[in-house]
Amino acid sequence: MRTVAAAKINWTLEVLGRRKDGYHEIRSVMQTIDLCDDVSVEPAAELRLEVDGQAGDEDDLALVAVRAFAAASGRDLGATIRIRKRIPIASGLGGGSSDAGAVLRCLNRLHGVGLSEEELCSVAAMIGSDVTFFLTGGTGLAEGRGERVTALPDVAETWLVLLTHGETMAGKTKRTYGALSDGDFRDGSATGRLVEAIRESEVRGQRPEVGDQRSAIKGHQLRAGGGSVDVFENSFERAANDVFEGHADAVAALMTAGVGATWLAGAGPTVFGVAESEDEARGIAGRVREGMGVVHVARTLPRAEATVVRD
């Protein structure tokens, strides 16, 4: 079985506060994009992971996914998993979690286990906070610590320019959450307004569209339901400057290249901007100053494309 493991951005990412269990409560509208790893799974006598031809780490989430799926299905499953990586590691784009979600989709079909979507989501929640979202893909509302996901209508195709800067950071998630202060916490209302607008668009038979208004102060809105809603609220925007060296330079590089505003993907360090078309996105990408990091041009990926599994 073959599938893609799509990267994601967050139209919003609001951290509401710390929970009693040590995790943080979030509300986020997440979106898959067509920057993808390639994942294949085939039956085997033993469990093996190959990442770009190399043996995978025992702690890799793709292996964790196999073990969690085996426990849930009551089967001792062997499998060879092959992953061709394109999503930068520890970039805020969800690559490891997406790989795990892709493996779950493939295993469920490969072995004919037939776990329901609800059962698969329960397995995903045990693996990692973002894994549940990658089972459904497209546009979705994530709540709790990220494991509670509600599918939303796909937004209209939107072109993005992404810049991943800096080196891979050990313990990035712990450091970024640890850098948050009380002033970074939000009440979730920005996410709520966005969800309402997306749903209202569906009622009106529209496709919600993200537009670039060419303003560094109020740079991006989602045109939906007959009006506009500000998006890209992210609780990590301030902390990113403290945690990631060169973050301000990366933001300036994208702005100088021609985006109207830049925003953080997840907890960072990747920053991105919206373009009006593929041609504009590629033009912006070509003008990003050399040496600033890895630049990708991507479009939003609807649910059907993000989750399809092929023989």
C-alpha atoms as a PDB file:
ATOM      1  CA  MET A   1       0.000   0.000   0.000  1.00  0.00           C
ATOM      2  CA  ARG A   2       1.201   3.490  -0.857  1.00  0.00           C
ATOM      3  CA  THR A   3       0.123   6.908   0.331  1.00  0.00           C
ATOM      4  CA  VAL A   4       1.454  10.398   0.933  1.00  0.00           C
ATOM      5  CA  ALA A   5       2.215  11.853   4.337  1.00  0.00           C
ATOM      6  CA  ALA A   6       1.329  15.510   3.906  1.00  0.00           C
ATOM      7  CA  ALA A   7       2.865  18.367   5.851  1.00  0.00           C
ATOM      8  CA  LYS A   8       0.565  20.844   7.594  1.00  0.00           C
ATOM      9  CA  ILE A   9       0.347  24.486   8.477  1.00  0.00           C
ATOM     10  CA  ASN A  10      -1.921  26.091  11.056  1.00  0.00           C
ATOM     11  CA  TRP A  11      -4.370  28.777   9.988  1.00  0.00           C
ATOM     12  CA  THR A  12      -4.670  29.399  13.722  1.00  0.00           C
ATOM     13  CA  LEU A  13      -2.841  27.931  16.727  1.00  0.00           C
ATOM     14  CA  GLU A  14      -4.085  29.210  20.078  1.00  0.00           C
ATOM     15  CA  VAL A  15      -2.635  27.856  23.309  1.00  0.00           C
ATOM     16  CA  LEU A  16      -5.288  28.281  26.006  1.00  0.00           C
ATOM     17  CA  GLY A  17      -3.129  27.354  28.992  1.00  0.00           C
ATOM     18  CA  ARG A  18      -1.431  24.512  30.845  1.00  0.00           C
ATOM     19  CA  ARG A  19      -3.481  21.475  31.860  1.00  0.00           C
ATOM     20  CA  LYS A  20      -3.247  19.516  35.095  1.00  0.00           C
ATOM     21  CA  ASP A  21      -1.664  16.588  33.219  1.00  0.00           C
ATOM     22  CA  GLY A  22       1.257  18.789  32.123  1.00  0.00           C
ATOM     23  CA  TYR A  23       0.109  19.203  28.523  1.00  0.00           C
ATOM     24  CA  HIS A  24      -1.242  22.437  27.081  1.00  0.00           C
ATOM     25  CA  GLU A  25      -4.806  22.960  25.873  1.00  0.00           C
ATOM     26  CA  ILE A  26      -4.979  24.217  22.280  1.00  0.00           C
ATOM     27  CA  ARG A  27      -7.477  25.248  19.619  1.00  0.00           C
ATOM     28  CA  SER A  28      -6.178  25.210  16.077  1.00  0.00           C
ATOM     29  CA  VAL A  29      -7.420  25.135  12.504  1.00  0.00           C
ATOM     30  CA  MET A  30      -4.960  22.893  10.693  1.00  0.00           C
ATOM     31  CA  GLN A  31      -4.402  22.438   6.969  1.00  0.00           C
ATOM     32  CA  THR A  32      -2.581  19.805   4.908  1.00  0.00           C
ATOM     33  CA  ILE A  33      -0.329  21.006   2.076  1.00  0.00           C
ATOM     34  CA  ASP A  34       1.265  19.213  -0.853  1.00  0.00           C
ATOM     35  CA  LEU A  35       4.763  19.106   0.626  1.00  0.00           C
ATOM     36  CA  CYS A  36       4.697  15.370   1.307  1.00  0.00           C
ATOM     37  CA  ASP A  37       6.723  12.355   2.332  1.00  0.00           C
ATOM     38  CA  ASP A  38       6.084   9.171   0.318  1.00  0.00           C
ATOM     39  CA  VAL A  39       5.101   6.168   2.455  1.00  0.00           C
ATOM     40  CA  SER A  40       4.700   2.512   1.468  1.00  0.00           C
ATOM     41  CA  VAL A  41       3.847  -0.466   3.662  1.00  0.00           C
ATOM     42  CA  GLU A  42       4.091  -4.136   2.696  1.00  0.00           C
ATOM     43  CA  PRO A  43       3.693  -7.409   4.629  1.00  0.00           C
ATOM     44  CA  ALA A  44       6.869  -8.914   6.091  1.00  0.00           C
ATOM     45  CA  ALA A  45       7.924 -11.480   8.662  1.00  0.00           C
ATOM     46  CA  GLU A  46       9.501  -8.782  10.847  1.00  0.00           C
ATOM     47  CA  LEU A  47       8.996  -5.105  11.531  1.00  0.00           C
ATOM     48  CA  ARG A  48      11.419  -2.899   9.611  1.00  0.00           C
ATOM     49  CA  LEU A  49      11.567   0.789   8.795  1.00  0.00           C
ATOM     50  CA  GLU A  50      13.645   2.223   5.953  1.00  0.00           C
ATOM     51  CA  VAL A  51      13.912   5.993   5.656  1.00  0.00           C
ATOM     52  CA  ASP A  52      15.435   7.028   2.321  1.00  0.00           C
ATOM     53  CA  GLY A  53      17.195   3.663   2.214  1.00  0.00           C
ATOM     54  CA  GLN A  54      18.511   3.894   5.787  1.00  0.00           C
ATOM     55  CA  ALA A  55      17.284   1.953   8.799  1.00  0.00           C
ATOM     56  CA  GLY A  56      14.865   3.960  10.903  1.00  0.00           C
ATOM     57  CA  ASP A  57      15.264   4.825  14.567  1.00  0.00           C
ATOM     58  CA  GLU A  58      13.445   2.635  17.097  1.00  0.00           C
ATOM     59  CA  ASP A  59      11.696   5.731  18.449  1.00  0.00           C
ATOM     60  CA  ASP A  60      10.400   6.785  15.032  1.00  0.00           C
ATOM     61  CA  LEU A  61       6.669   7.501  15.166  1.00  0.00           C
ATOM     62  CA  ALA A  62       6.078   5.268  12.138  1.00  0.00           C
ATOM     63  CA  LEU A  63       7.273   2.257  14.166  1.00  0.00           C
ATOM     64  CA  VAL A  64       5.301   3.413  17.175  1.00  0.00           C
ATOM     65  CA  ALA A  65       2.246   3.502  14.899  1.00  0.00           C
ATOM     66  CA  VAL A  66       2.723  -0.138  13.857  1.00  0.00           C
ATOM     67  CA  ARG A  67       3.014  -1.294  17.451  1.00  0.00           C
ATOM     68  CA  ALA A  68      -0.016   0.720  18.527  1.00  0.00           C
ATOM     69  CA  PHE A  69      -2.051  -0.617  15.601  1.00  0.00           C
ATOM     70  CA  ALA A  70      -1.017  -4.194  16.405  1.00  0.00           C
ATOM     71  CA  ALA A  71      -2.113  -3.756  20.021  1.00  0.00           C
ATOM     72  CA  ALA A  72      -5.469  -2.289  18.977  1.00  0.00           C
ATOM     73  CA  SER A  73      -6.169  -4.974  16.371  1.00  0.00           C
ATOM     74  CA  GLY A  74      -4.934  -7.895  18.491  1.00  0.00           C
ATOM     75  CA  ARG A  75      -2.592  -9.038  15.740  1.00  0.00           C
ATOM     76  CA  ASP A  76       1.163  -9.497  15.700  1.00  0.00           C
ATOM     77  CA  LEU A  77       1.900  -7.570  12.525  1.00  0.00           C
ATOM     78  CA  GLY A  78       5.133  -7.640  10.595  1.00  0.00           C
ATOM     79  CA  ALA A  79       5.678  -4.948   7.995  1.00  0.00           C
ATOM     80  CA  THR A  80       8.336  -3.215   5.944  1.00  0.00           C
ATOM     81  CA  ILE A  81       7.767   0.526   5.960  1.00  0.00           C
ATOM     82  CA  ARG A  82       9.589   2.719   3.476  1.00  0.00           C
ATOM     83  CA  ILE A  83       9.551   6.492   3.806  1.00  0.00           C
ATOM     84  CA  ARG A  84      11.004   8.970   1.363  1.00  0.00           C
ATOM     85  CA  LYS A  85      11.405  12.166   3.373  1.00  0.00           C
ATOM     86  CA  ARG A  86      10.709  15.606   1.918  1.00  0.00           C
ATOM     87  CA  ILE A  87       9.265  17.368   4.958  1.00  0.00           C
ATOM     88  CA  PRO A  88      12.028  19.001   7.029  1.00  0.00           C
ATOM     89  CA  ILE A  89      12.456  17.388  10.450  1.00  0.00           C
ATOM     90  CA  ALA A  90      11.342  19.293  13.578  1.00  0.00           C
ATOM     91  CA  SER A  91      10.157  22.160  11.390  1.00  0.00           C
ATOM     92  CA  GLY A  92       6.636  22.781  12.714  1.00  0.00           C
ATOM     93  CA  LEU A  93       5.187  21.046   9.659  1.00  0.00           C
ATOM     94  CA  GLY A  94       4.240  17.766  11.367  1.00  0.00           C
ATOM     95  CA  GLY A  95       6.311  15.347   9.282  1.00  0.00           C
ATOM     96  CA  GLY A  96       6.759  12.613  11.894  1.00  0.00           C
ATOM     97  CA  SER A  97       3.116  12.695  12.951  1.00  0.00           C
ATOM     98  CA  SER A  98       2.002  12.625   9.320  1.00  0.00           C
ATOM     99  CA  ASP A  99       4.184   9.575   8.641  1.00  0.00           C
ATOM    100  CA  ALA A 100       2.520   7.818  11.578  1.00  0.00           C
ATOM    101  CA  GLY A 101      -0.953   8.681  10.300  1.00  0.00           C
ATOM    102  CA  ALA A 102      -0.041   7.416   6.833  1.00  0.00           C
ATOM    103  CA  VAL A 103       1.175   4.114   8.285  1.00  0.00           C
ATOM    104  CA  LEU A 104      -2.097   3.662  10.200  1.00  0.00           C
ATOM    105  CA  ARG A 105      -4.140   4.232   7.033  1.00  0.00           C
ATOM    106  CA  CYS A 106      -2.050   1.745   5.083  1.00  0.00           C
ATOM    107  CA  LEU A 107      -2.043  -0.958   7.762  1.00  0.00           C
ATOM    108  CA  ASN A 108      -5.793  -0.805   8.223  1.00  0.00           C
ATOM    109  CA  ARG A 109      -6.307  -1.518   4.531  1.00  0.00           C
ATOM    110  CA  LEU A 110      -3.316  -3.808   3.978  1.00  0.00           C
ATOM    111  CA  HIS A 111      -4.319  -6.323   6.640  1.00  0.00           C
ATOM    112  CA  GLY A 112      -8.070  -5.933   6.194  1.00  0.00           C
ATOM    113  CA  VAL A 113      -8.503  -5.173   9.887  1.00  0.00           C
ATOM    114  CA  GLY A 114     -11.284  -2.701   9.230  1.00  0.00           C
ATOM    115  CA  LEU A 115     -10.900  -0.490  12.273  1.00  0.00           C
ATOM    116  CA  SER A 116     -13.466   2.296  12.178  1.00  0.00           C
ATOM    117  CA  GLU A 117     -12.397   5.931  11.867  1.00  0.00           C
ATOM    118  CA  GLU A 118     -13.186   6.400  15.553  1.00  0.00           C
ATOM    119  CA  GLU A 119     -11.047   3.395  16.503  1.00  0.00           C
ATOM    120  CA  LEU A 120      -8.165   4.593  14.316  1.00  0.00           C
ATOM    121  CA  CYS A 121      -8.375   8.034  15.924  1.00  0.00           C
ATOM    122  CA  SER A 122      -8.118   6.428  19.359  1.00  0.00           C
ATOM    123  CA  VAL A 123      -4.937   4.649  18.255  1.00  0.00           C
ATOM    124  CA  ALA A 124      -3.574   7.864  16.744  1.00  0.00           C
ATOM    125  CA  ALA A 125      -4.173   9.809  19.958  1.00  0.00           C
ATOM    126  CA  MET A 126      -1.925   7.392  21.841  1.00  0.00           C
ATOM    127  CA  ILE A 127       0.934   7.977  19.387  1.00  0.00           C
ATOM    128  CA  GLY A 128       1.098  11.779  19.337  1.00  0.00           C
ATOM    129  CA  SER A 129      -1.054  14.875  19.576  1.00  0.00           C
ATOM    130  CA  ASP A 130      -1.100  15.718  15.838  1.00  0.00           C
ATOM    131  CA  VAL A 131      -1.437  12.181  14.477  1.00  0.00           C
ATOM    132  CA  THR A 132      -5.245  12.183  14.652  1.00  0.00           C
ATOM    133  CA  PHE A 133      -5.442  15.168  12.297  1.00  0.00           C
ATOM    134  CA  PHE A 134      -3.362  13.402   9.662  1.00  0.00           C
ATOM    135  CA  LEU A 135      -5.864  10.538   9.491  1.00  0.00           C
ATOM    136  CA  THR A 136      -8.428  12.953   8.064  1.00  0.00           C
ATOM    137  CA  GLY A 137      -6.258  15.659   6.460  1.00  0.00           C
ATOM    138  CA  GLY A 138      -7.682  18.610   4.565  1.00  0.00           C
ATOM    139  CA  THR A 139      -8.897  21.377   6.864  1.00  0.00           C
ATOM    140  CA  GLY A 140      -9.700  20.490  10.461  1.00  0.00           C
ATOM    141  CA  LEU A 141     -10.300  21.856  13.936  1.00  0.00           C
ATOM    142  CA  ALA A 142      -7.933  20.402  16.561  1.00  0.00           C
ATOM    143  CA  GLU A 143      -8.712  20.736  20.261  1.00  0.00           C
ATOM    144  CA  GLY A 144      -7.554  19.326  23.593  1.00  0.00           C
ATOM    145  CA  ARG A 145      -3.850  18.695  23.272  1.00  0.00           C
ATOM    146  CA  GLY A 146      -4.483  18.360  19.518  1.00  0.00           C
ATOM    147  CA  GLU A 147      -5.917  14.842  19.541  1.00  0.00           C
ATOM    148  CA  ARG A 148      -9.603  15.853  19.223  1.00  0.00           C
ATOM    149  CA  VAL A 149     -10.178  16.660  15.556  1.00  0.00           C
ATOM    150  CA  THR A 150     -13.308  17.806  13.751  1.00  0.00           C
ATOM    151  CA  ALA A 151     -13.227  17.790   9.952  1.00  0.00           C
ATOM    152  CA  LEU A 152     -14.078  21.097   8.246  1.00  0.00           C
ATOM    153  CA  PRO A 153     -14.890  21.895   4.603  1.00  0.00           C
ATOM    154  CA  ASP A 154     -11.781  22.158   2.424  1.00  0.00           C
ATOM    155  CA  VAL A 155     -10.629  25.707   1.773  1.00  0.00           C
ATOM    156  CA  ALA A 156     -10.106  26.806  -1.821  1.00  0.00           C
ATOM    157  CA  GLU A 157      -6.694  26.054  -3.320  1.00  0.00           C
ATOM    158  CA  THR A 158      -4.155  28.460  -1.830  1.00  0.00           C
ATOM    159  CA  TRP A 159      -0.479  28.845  -2.748  1.00  0.00           C
ATOM    160  CA  LEU A 160       2.156  29.228  -0.044  1.00  0.00           C
ATOM    161  CA  VAL A 161       5.869  29.973   0.224  1.00  0.00           C
ATOM    162  CA  LEU A 162       7.570  28.294   3.190  1.00  0.00           C
ATOM    163  CA  LEU A 163      11.023  28.968   4.615  1.00  0.00           C
ATOM    164  CA  THR A 164      12.555  26.546   7.132  1.00  0.00           C
ATOM    165  CA  HIS A 165      15.621  28.050   8.767  1.00  0.00           C
ATOM    166  CA  GLY A 166      18.146  26.958  11.367  1.00  0.00           C
ATOM    167  CA  GLU A 167      19.336  23.518  12.417  1.00  0.00           C
ATOM    168  CA  THR A 168      17.315  20.651  13.860  1.00  0.00           C
ATOM    169  CA  MET A 169      16.796  21.291  17.561  1.00  0.00           C
ATOM    170  CA  ALA A 170      16.642  18.480  20.127  1.00  0.00           C
ATOM    171  CA  GLY A 171      13.619  18.732  22.415  1.00  0.00           C
ATOM    172  CA  LYS A 172      12.085  21.480  20.288  1.00  0.00           C
ATOM    173  CA  THR A 173       8.495  20.962  21.443  1.00  0.00           C
ATOM    174  CA  LYS A 174       9.441  21.109  25.120  1.00  0.00           C
ATOM    175  CA  ARG A 175      11.532  24.238  24.572  1.00  0.00           C
ATOM    176  CA  THR A 176       8.898  26.111  22.588  1.00  0.00           C
ATOM    177  CA  TYR A 177       6.105  25.377  25.041  1.00  0.00           C
ATOM    178  CA  GLY A 178       8.442  26.211  27.905  1.00  0.00           C
ATOM    179  CA  ALA A 179       9.120  29.613  26.350  1.00  0.00           C
ATOM    180  CA  LEU A 180       5.451  30.626  26.482  1.00  0.00           C
ATOM    181  CA  SER A 181       4.379  33.170  29.081  1.00  0.00           C
ATOM    182  CA  ASP A 182       0.885  33.933  30.368  1.00  0.00           C
ATOM    183  CA  GLY A 183       0.668  36.778  27.865  1.00  0.00           C
ATOM    184  CA  ASP A 184       0.972  34.307  24.975  1.00  0.00           C
ATOM    185  CA  PHE A 185      -2.133  32.349  25.978  1.00  0.00           C
ATOM    186  CA  ARG A 186      -5.360  32.996  24.049  1.00  0.00           C
ATOM    187  CA  ASP A 187      -9.035  32.302  24.619  1.00  0.00           C
ATOM    188  CA  GLY A 188      -9.632  30.356  21.398  1.00  0.00           C
ATOM    189  CA  SER A 189     -12.025  32.935  19.990  1.00  0.00           C
ATOM    190  CA  ALA A 190      -9.991  33.590  16.825  1.00  0.00           C
ATOM    191  CA  THR A 191     -10.190  29.894  15.995  1.00  0.00           C
ATOM    192  CA  GLY A 192     -13.906  29.899  16.773  1.00  0.00           C
ATOM    193  CA  ARG A 193     -14.551  32.789  14.385  1.00  0.00           C
ATOM    194  CA  LEU A 194     -12.615  31.062  11.642  1.00  0.00           C
ATOM    195  CA  VAL A 195     -14.485  27.779  12.098  1.00  0.00           C
ATOM    196  CA  GLU A 196     -17.831  29.586  11.940  1.00  0.00           C
ATOM    197  CA  ALA A 197     -16.818  31.371   8.740  1.00  0.00           C
ATOM    198  CA  ILE A 198     -15.693  28.160   7.065  1.00  0.00           C
ATOM    199  CA  ARG A 199     -18.920  26.398   7.980  1.00  0.00           C
ATOM    200  CA  GLU A 200     -21.032  29.332   6.841  1.00  0.00           C
ATOM    201  CA  SER A 201     -19.297  29.211   3.473  1.00  0.00           C
ATOM    202  CA  GLU A 202     -20.279  25.575   3.092  1.00  0.00           C
ATOM    203  CA  VAL A 203     -23.924  26.470   3.742  1.00  0.00           C
ATOM    204  CA  ARG A 204     -23.682  29.145   1.037  1.00  0.00           C
ATOM    205  CA  GLY A 205     -22.104  26.680  -1.403  1.00  0.00           C
ATOM    206  CA  GLN A 206     -18.791  28.551  -1.389  1.00  0.00           C
ATOM    207  CA  ARG A 207     -15.193  27.454  -0.966  1.00  0.00           C
ATOM    208  CA  PRO A 208     -13.501  29.495   1.794  1.00  0.00           C
ATOM    209  CA  GLU A 209     -10.599  31.397   0.241  1.00  0.00           C
ATOM    210  CA  VAL A 210      -7.467  32.704   1.920  1.00  0.00           C
ATOM    211  CA  GLY A 211      -6.437  36.075   0.536  1.00  0.00           C
ATOM    212  CA  ASP A 212      -3.241  38.116   0.812  1.00  0.00           C
ATOM    213  CA  GLN A 213      -4.176  41.722   1.544  1.00  0.00           C
ATOM    214  CA  ARG A 214      -0.595  43.021   1.181  1.00  0.00           C
ATOM    215  CA  SER A 215      -0.417  44.499   4.653  1.00  0.00           C
ATOM    216  CA  ALA A 216       2.273  43.649   7.177  1.00  0.00           C
ATOM    217  CA  ILE A 217      -0.079  44.584  10.021  1.00  0.00           C
ATOM    218  CA  LYS A 218      -3.261  42.824   8.919  1.00  0.00           C
ATOM    219  CA  GLY A 219      -1.842  40.629   6.242  1.00  0.00           C
ATOM    220  CA  HIS A 220      -4.108  37.642   5.813  1.00  0.00           C
ATOM    221  CA  GLN A 221      -7.812  37.075   5.929  1.00  0.00           C
ATOM    222  CA  LEU A 222     -10.086  34.237   4.989  1.00  0.00           C
ATOM    223  CA  ARG A 223     -12.883  35.350   2.708  1.00  0.00           C
ATOM    224  CA  ALA A 224     -15.837  33.222   3.677  1.00  0.00           C
ATOM    225  CA  GLY A 225     -19.549  33.388   4.354  1.00  0.00           C
ATOM    226  CA  GLY A 226     -19.939  36.777   2.701  1.00  0.00           C
ATOM    227  CA  GLY A 227     -17.280  38.465   4.866  1.00  0.00           C
ATOM    228  CA  SER A 228     -13.657  38.312   5.937  1.00  0.00           C
ATOM    229  CA  VAL A 229     -12.091  36.792   9.043  1.00  0.00           C
ATOM    230  CA  ASP A 230      -8.552  37.500  10.259  1.00  0.00           C
ATOM    231  CA  VAL A 231      -6.526  34.312  10.439  1.00  0.00           C
ATOM    232  CA  PHE A 232      -3.037  33.126  11.390  1.00  0.00           C
ATOM    233  CA  GLU A 233      -3.348  33.786  15.128  1.00  0.00           C
ATOM    234  CA  ASN A 234      -0.444  31.827  16.643  1.00  0.00           C
ATOM    235  CA  SER A 235       0.497  31.802  20.332  1.00  0.00           C
ATOM    236  CA  PHE A 236       4.129  30.978  19.509  1.00  0.00           C
ATOM    237  CA  GLU A 237       4.865  34.073  17.416  1.00  0.00           C
ATOM    238  CA  ARG A 238       6.602  35.962  20.249  1.00  0.00           C
ATOM    239  CA  ALA A 239       8.400  32.926  21.708  1.00  0.00           C
ATOM    240  CA  ALA A 240       9.825  31.982  18.300  1.00  0.00           C
ATOM    241  CA  ASN A 241      12.162  34.969  18.442  1.00  0.00           C
ATOM    242  CA  ASP A 242      13.582  33.710  21.750  1.00  0.00           C
ATOM    243  CA  VAL A 243      13.837  30.027  20.808  1.00  0.00           C
ATOM    244  CA  PHE A 244      14.996  30.078  17.182  1.00  0.00           C
ATOM    245  CA  GLU A 245      18.188  31.887  16.290  1.00  0.00           C
ATOM    246  CA  GLY A 246      17.798  33.896  13.095  1.00  0.00           C
ATOM    247  CA  HIS A 247      13.992  33.855  13.215  1.00  0.00           C
ATOM    248  CA  ALA A 248      13.689  37.606  12.616  1.00  0.00           C
ATOM    249  CA  ASP A 249      16.092  37.327   9.670  1.00  0.00           C
ATOM    250  CA  ALA A 250      13.964  34.571   8.120  1.00  0.00           C
ATOM    251  CA  VAL A 251      10.836  36.684   8.468  1.00  0.00           C
ATOM    252  CA  ALA A 252      12.609  39.655   6.882  1.00  0.00           C
ATOM    253  CA  ALA A 253      13.887  37.478   4.021  1.00  0.00           C
ATOM    254  CA  LEU A 254      10.370  36.359   3.063  1.00  0.00           C
ATOM    255  CA  MET A 255       8.977  39.863   3.381  1.00  0.00           C
ATOM    256  CA  THR A 256      11.748  41.290   1.231  1.00  0.00           C
ATOM    257  CA  ALA A 257      11.092  38.570  -1.348  1.00  0.00           C
ATOM    258  CA  GLY A 258       7.518  39.793  -1.728  1.00  0.00           C
ATOM    259  CA  VAL A 259       5.009  38.224   0.690  1.00  0.00           C
ATOM    260  CA  GLY A 260       2.552  40.579   2.355  1.00  0.00           C
ATOM    261  CA  ALA A 261       3.054  39.067   5.813  1.00  0.00           C
ATOM    262  CA  THR A 262       4.655  35.981   7.338  1.00  0.00           C
ATOM    263  CA  TRP A 263       3.384  33.579   9.946  1.00  0.00           C
ATOM    264  CA  LEU A 264       4.655  30.649  11.937  1.00  0.00           C
ATOM    265  CA  ALA A 265       3.936  27.021  11.018  1.00  0.00           C
ATOM    266  CA  GLY A 266       3.043  25.176  14.204  1.00  0.00           C
ATOM    267  CA  ALA A 267       5.504  26.103  16.929  1.00  0.00           C
ATOM    268  CA  GLY A 268       8.170  26.846  14.304  1.00  0.00           C
ATOM    269  CA  PRO A 269      10.735  27.387  13.064  1.00  0.00           C
ATOM    270  CA  THR A 270       9.192  27.345   9.571  1.00  0.00           C
ATOM    271  CA  VAL A 271       7.629  30.641   8.500  1.00  0.00           C
ATOM    272  CA  PHE A 272       5.312  31.043   5.531  1.00  0.00           C
ATOM    273  CA  GLY A 273       3.360  33.547   3.488  1.00  0.00           C
ATOM    274  CA  VAL A 274       0.423  33.383   1.103  1.00  0.00           C
ATOM    275  CA  ALA A 275       0.679  34.105  -2.619  1.00  0.00           C
ATOM    276  CA  GLU A 276      -2.070  34.919  -5.115  1.00  0.00           C
ATOM    277  CA  SER A 277      -1.006  32.211  -7.584  1.00  0.00           C
ATOM    278  CA  GLU A 278       1.540  29.480  -8.237  1.00  0.00           C
ATOM    279  CA  ASP A 279       3.535  31.799 -10.504  1.00  0.00           C
ATOM    280  CA  GLU A 280       3.689  34.469  -7.819  1.00  0.00           C
ATOM    281  CA  ALA A 281       4.681  31.902  -5.188  1.00  0.00           C
ATOM    282  CA  ARG A 282       7.541  30.611  -7.336  1.00  0.00           C
ATOM    283  CA  GLY A 283       8.681  34.129  -8.064  1.00  0.00           C
ATOM    284  CA  ILE A 284       8.795  34.943  -4.354  1.00  0.00           C
ATOM    285  CA  ALA A 285      10.646  31.703  -3.615  1.00  0.00           C
ATOM    286  CA  GLY A 286      13.251  32.566  -6.225  1.00  0.00           C
ATOM    287  CA  ARG A 287      13.907  35.928  -4.577  1.00  0.00           C
ATOM    288  CA  VAL A 288      14.509  34.601  -1.056  1.00  0.00           C
ATOM    289  CA  ARG A 289      18.072  35.467  -0.103  1.00  0.00           C
ATOM    290  CA  GLU A 290      20.501  32.582  -0.565  1.00  0.00           C
ATOM    291  CA  GLY A 291      21.620  30.884   2.618  1.00  0.00           C
ATOM    292  CA  MET A 292      18.479  31.716   4.596  1.00  0.00           C
ATOM    293  CA  GLY A 293      17.256  28.113   4.718  1.00  0.00           C
ATOM    294  CA  VAL A 294      15.157  25.632   2.764  1.00  0.00           C
ATOM    295  CA  VAL A 295      12.391  27.172   0.635  1.00  0.00           C
ATOM    296  CA  HIS A 296       9.321  25.260  -0.536  1.00  0.00           C
ATOM    297  CA  VAL A 297       6.391  26.272  -2.709  1.00  0.00           C
ATOM    298  CA  ALA A 298       3.231  24.372  -1.830  1.00  0.00           C
ATOM    299  CA  ARG A 299      -0.524  24.455  -2.251  1.00  0.00           C
ATOM    300  CA  THR A 300      -3.236  23.480   0.167  1.00  0.00           C
ATOM    301  CA  LEU A 301      -4.132  19.803  -0.127  1.00  0.00           C
ATOM    302  CA  PRO A 302      -7.798  18.777   0.154  1.00  0.00           C
ATOM    303  CA  ARG A 303      -8.881  15.835   2.276  1.00  0.00           C
ATOM    304  CA  ALA A 304      -9.340  13.378  -0.603  1.00  0.00           C
ATOM    305  CA  GLU A 305      -5.792  13.931  -1.901  1.00  0.00           C
ATOM    306  CA  ALA A 306      -4.189  13.929   1.548  1.00  0.00           C
ATOM    307  CA  THR A 307      -5.589  10.562   2.627  1.00  0.00           C
ATOM    308  CA  VAL A 308      -5.880   8.370  -0.475  1.00  0.00           C
ATOM    309  CA  VAL A 309      -4.265   4.905  -0.181  1.00  0.00           C
ATOM    310  CA  ARG A 310      -3.242   3.046  -3.356  1.00  0.00           C
ATOM    311  CA  ASP A 311      -2.354  -0.596  -3.996  1.00  0.00           C
END
